[in-house]
Structures are given as C-alpha cells and as structure tokens.
Amino acid sequence: MKQRDLIKKLESIGFELARHGGKHDTYKRGNDEEKIPRHREVNERLAEAILRKWGL
C-alpha cells in the first residue's frame, strides 16, 4: 500500500501529524498514537494491521 493512501485513511478518522522522525512519522488522535514508516510503499501486512487496529 502506498504510504500516502494509508495516511489519508488515518487522517479521515481524525489522526494528525505529530512529528517527523528519521524512519517513522508519528500521527496522533487524542491519546491514540500510530507510527507510519517513511517509505513510499508500506508492507501490505503492516498496512492491514494498522487499518484493522483502528477499525478501517
């Protein structure tokens, strides 16, 4: 899955960029936090796990 598609899905449920990191970006929604790898393509299993975790 493309990183930007994963980020768009997270932003659609209220996540916002908290900070850029060297290898990951951190997105927050209240007390919820998710780290997204800084690659153009995110591993399919990882992307599915992140989306499942947040009910997408």
C-alpha atoms as a PDB file:
ATOM      1  CA  MET A   1       0.000   0.000   0.000  1.00  0.00           C
ATOM      2  CA  LYS A   2       1.261   3.472  -0.749  1.00  0.00           C
ATOM      3  CA  GLN A   3       2.206   5.492   2.310  1.00  0.00           C
ATOM      4  CA  ARG A   4       0.067   8.467   1.275  1.00  0.00           C
ATOM      5  CA  ASP A   5      -3.043   6.251   0.931  1.00  0.00           C
ATOM      6  CA  LEU A   6      -2.515   4.860   4.434  1.00  0.00           C
ATOM      7  CA  ILE A   7      -2.042   8.371   5.824  1.00  0.00           C
ATOM      8  CA  LYS A   8      -5.212   9.626   4.094  1.00  0.00           C
ATOM      9  CA  LYS A   9      -7.215   6.816   5.702  1.00  0.00           C
ATOM     10  CA  LEU A  10      -5.821   7.635   9.147  1.00  0.00           C
ATOM     11  CA  GLU A  11      -6.475  11.356   8.660  1.00  0.00           C
ATOM     12  CA  SER A  12     -10.075  10.601   7.672  1.00  0.00           C
ATOM     13  CA  ILE A  13     -10.704   9.293  11.195  1.00  0.00           C
ATOM     14  CA  GLY A  14      -9.029  12.217  12.945  1.00  0.00           C
ATOM     15  CA  PHE A  15      -5.307  11.463  13.111  1.00  0.00           C
ATOM     16  CA  GLU A  16      -2.921  14.390  12.616  1.00  0.00           C
ATOM     17  CA  LEU A  17       0.820  14.513  12.051  1.00  0.00           C
ATOM     18  CA  ALA A  18       2.523  14.968  15.414  1.00  0.00           C
ATOM     19  CA  ARG A  19       6.164  14.815  14.309  1.00  0.00           C
ATOM     20  CA  HIS A  20       8.534  13.662  11.610  1.00  0.00           C
ATOM     21  CA  GLY A  21      11.151  11.136  12.544  1.00  0.00           C
ATOM     22  CA  GLY A  22      14.133   9.674  10.787  1.00  0.00           C
ATOM     23  CA  LYS A  23      12.477   6.405   9.859  1.00  0.00           C
ATOM     24  CA  HIS A  24       8.862   6.912  11.002  1.00  0.00           C
ATOM     25  CA  ASP A  25       6.287   9.698  11.184  1.00  0.00           C
ATOM     26  CA  THR A  26       4.050   9.832  14.241  1.00  0.00           C
ATOM     27  CA  TYR A  27       0.335  10.537  13.931  1.00  0.00           C
ATOM     28  CA  LYS A  28      -1.865  11.303  16.939  1.00  0.00           C
ATOM     29  CA  ARG A  29      -5.556  11.482  17.765  1.00  0.00           C
ATOM     30  CA  GLY A  30      -6.058  12.432  21.393  1.00  0.00           C
ATOM     31  CA  ASN A  31      -4.167   9.764  23.346  1.00  0.00           C
ATOM     32  CA  ASP A  32      -4.023   7.407  20.346  1.00  0.00           C
ATOM     33  CA  GLU A  33      -0.688   7.236  18.523  1.00  0.00           C
ATOM     34  CA  GLU A  34       0.388   5.452  15.354  1.00  0.00           C
ATOM     35  CA  LYS A  35       3.833   5.325  13.756  1.00  0.00           C
ATOM     36  CA  ILE A  36       3.983   5.098   9.972  1.00  0.00           C
ATOM     37  CA  PRO A  37       7.214   4.064   8.203  1.00  0.00           C
ATOM     38  CA  ARG A  38       8.716   6.690   5.908  1.00  0.00           C
ATOM     39  CA  HIS A  39       8.722   4.563   2.759  1.00  0.00           C
ATOM     40  CA  ARG A  40       6.764   5.140  -0.451  1.00  0.00           C
ATOM     41  CA  GLU A  41       5.407   1.618  -0.153  1.00  0.00           C
ATOM     42  CA  VAL A  42       4.337   0.252   3.227  1.00  0.00           C
ATOM     43  CA  ASN A  43       4.374  -3.524   3.641  1.00  0.00           C
ATOM     44  CA  GLU A  44       0.875  -4.905   2.944  1.00  0.00           C
ATOM     45  CA  ARG A  45       0.707  -6.906   6.178  1.00  0.00           C
ATOM     46  CA  LEU A  46       1.750  -3.902   8.236  1.00  0.00           C
ATOM     47  CA  ALA A  47      -0.746  -1.622   6.484  1.00  0.00           C
ATOM     48  CA  GLU A  48      -3.566  -4.141   7.025  1.00  0.00           C
ATOM     49  CA  ALA A  49      -2.643  -4.494  10.704  1.00  0.00           C
ATOM     50  CA  ILE A  50      -2.667  -0.712  11.218  1.00  0.00           C
ATOM     51  CA  LEU A  51      -6.032  -0.324   9.468  1.00  0.00           C
ATOM     52  CA  ARG A  52      -7.537  -3.246  11.386  1.00  0.00           C
ATOM     53  CA  LYS A  53      -6.273  -1.773  14.664  1.00  0.00           C
ATOM     54  CA  TRP A  54      -8.288   1.411  14.035  1.00  0.00           C
ATOM     55  CA  GLY A  55     -11.337  -0.313  12.538  1.00  0.00           C
ATOM     56  CA  LEU A  56     -10.813   0.664   8.894  1.00  0.00           C
END
